[in-house]
């Protein structure tokens, strides 16, 4: 874990986060600046920057995140669809350099891609 990374601090309990789910691999929290009625952040406990720095050993973790997203979206109220987004690098809109996956859903006044 990184000492200055905000997600690592949330995982260590140094900064509060509204947790929705956690296990040995992941912590899932509500985004503090939601872009949709349901806006979750799926954060691996292991710190790595983004998909560009993911390795073959992360395959199980990345698959787990994709398969967990639908369940969490529905449990949080996104029963009519949701979006799963991973921002990578500056031009991809990444702001925090600890891989995380956004799960967005709910009635849509929010922007469509």
Protein backbone atom coordinates (compact mmCIF):
# COMPACT_ATOMS: atom_id res chain seq x y z
CA UNK A 1 0.00 0.00 0.00
CA UNK A 2 1.04 3.54 -0.63
CA UNK A 3 1.40 5.86 2.34
CA UNK A 4 -0.13 8.89 0.56
CA UNK A 5 -2.83 7.21 -1.53
CA UNK A 6 -6.34 8.18 -0.43
CA UNK A 7 -7.73 4.72 -1.25
CA UNK A 8 -4.96 3.01 0.71
CA UNK A 9 -5.79 5.28 3.66
CA UNK A 10 -9.48 4.29 3.42
CA UNK A 11 -8.52 0.60 3.25
CA UNK A 12 -6.31 1.00 6.34
CA UNK A 13 -9.12 2.83 8.18
CA UNK A 14 -7.22 6.12 8.42
CA UNK A 15 -9.93 7.95 6.45
CA UNK A 16 -13.62 7.05 6.70
CA UNK A 17 -15.43 5.56 3.74
CA UNK A 18 -19.05 4.43 3.47
CA UNK A 19 -18.40 0.75 2.83
CA UNK A 20 -20.86 -1.33 0.86
CA UNK A 21 -18.76 -4.49 0.63
CA UNK A 22 -15.36 -5.79 1.62
CA UNK A 23 -13.45 -9.03 1.49
CA UNK A 24 -9.82 -10.15 1.39
CA UNK A 25 -9.36 -8.62 -2.10
CA UNK A 26 -11.59 -5.54 -2.30
CA UNK A 27 -13.23 -2.66 -0.54
CA UNK A 28 -16.30 -1.10 -2.16
CA UNK A 29 -17.39 2.37 -1.02
CA UNK A 30 -19.84 5.08 -2.03
CA UNK A 31 -18.21 7.86 -4.07
CA UNK A 32 -18.11 11.09 -2.06
CA UNK A 33 -18.94 13.10 -5.20
CA UNK A 34 -21.49 10.86 -6.93
CA UNK A 35 -22.13 11.33 -10.62
CA UNK A 36 -25.26 9.16 -10.50
CA UNK A 37 -27.85 8.10 -7.90
CA UNK A 38 -25.81 4.91 -7.40
CA UNK A 39 -22.06 5.57 -7.58
CA UNK A 40 -19.77 2.99 -6.04
CA UNK A 41 -15.99 2.65 -6.16
CA UNK A 42 -14.56 -0.86 -6.21
CA UNK A 43 -11.00 -0.63 -4.87
CA UNK A 44 -8.52 -3.52 -4.69
CA UNK A 45 -6.69 -3.80 -1.39
CA UNK A 46 -3.45 -4.18 -3.36
CA UNK A 47 -2.18 -0.86 -4.66
CA UNK A 48 -1.41 -0.70 -8.36
CA UNK A 49 -1.95 2.37 -10.51
CA UNK A 50 -4.36 1.27 -13.25
CA UNK A 51 -4.96 -1.29 -15.98
CA UNK A 52 -1.67 -0.30 -17.62
CA UNK A 53 0.22 -1.60 -14.58
CA UNK A 54 -1.98 -4.66 -13.96
CA UNK A 55 -0.23 -7.97 -14.35
CA UNK A 56 -1.31 -11.49 -15.25
CA UNK A 57 -1.59 -12.26 -11.53
CA UNK A 58 -4.41 -9.67 -11.31
CA UNK A 59 -6.64 -11.56 -13.75
CA UNK A 60 -8.72 -13.24 -11.01
CA UNK A 61 -9.16 -9.94 -9.15
CA UNK A 62 -10.22 -8.03 -12.27
CA UNK A 63 -12.69 -10.75 -13.20
CA UNK A 64 -14.06 -10.79 -9.67
CA UNK A 65 -14.67 -7.04 -9.84
CA UNK A 66 -16.58 -7.35 -13.12
CA UNK A 67 -18.75 -10.16 -11.78
CA UNK A 68 -19.41 -8.44 -8.45
CA UNK A 69 -20.47 -5.13 -10.05
CA UNK A 70 -23.95 -6.31 -11.16
CA UNK A 71 -24.84 -7.66 -7.74
CA UNK A 72 -23.73 -4.52 -5.90
CA UNK A 73 -25.44 -2.25 -8.45
CA UNK A 74 -28.76 -4.05 -7.95
CA UNK A 75 -28.38 -4.16 -4.15
CA UNK A 76 -27.86 -0.38 -4.13
CA UNK A 77 -30.95 0.28 -6.27
CA UNK A 78 -29.73 0.25 -9.87
CA UNK A 79 -32.36 -2.27 -10.96
CA UNK A 80 -32.82 -0.94 -14.50
CA UNK A 81 -29.21 -0.91 -15.64
CA UNK A 82 -25.81 0.37 -14.61
CA UNK A 83 -22.42 1.34 -16.03
CA UNK A 84 -19.00 -0.04 -15.08
CA UNK A 85 -16.14 2.39 -15.80
CA UNK A 86 -12.38 2.25 -15.28
CA UNK A 87 -10.50 5.48 -15.99
CA UNK A 88 -6.87 4.99 -17.03
CA UNK A 89 -4.26 7.72 -17.24
CA UNK A 90 -4.61 11.48 -17.67
CA UNK A 91 -6.47 11.37 -20.98
CA UNK A 92 -8.75 8.64 -19.59
CA UNK A 93 -9.86 10.91 -16.76
CA UNK A 94 -8.05 9.10 -13.95
CA UNK A 95 -7.68 11.27 -10.86
CA UNK A 96 -6.55 8.79 -8.20
CA UNK A 97 -3.71 6.49 -9.24
CA UNK A 98 -4.88 3.38 -7.44
CA UNK A 99 -6.88 1.14 -9.77
CA UNK A 100 -10.59 1.46 -9.04
CA UNK A 101 -13.79 0.69 -10.89
CA UNK A 102 -16.82 3.00 -10.86
CA UNK A 103 -20.25 1.38 -10.76
CA UNK A 104 -22.91 3.95 -11.75
CA UNK A 105 -26.65 3.48 -12.01
CA UNK A 106 -30.11 4.63 -11.08
CA UNK A 107 -32.56 6.94 -12.83
CA UNK A 108 -30.63 8.97 -15.35
CA UNK A 109 -30.32 12.69 -15.29
CA UNK A 110 -26.60 11.85 -15.43
CA UNK A 111 -24.47 12.15 -18.52
CA UNK A 112 -24.47 9.39 -21.11
CA UNK A 113 -21.22 8.40 -22.84
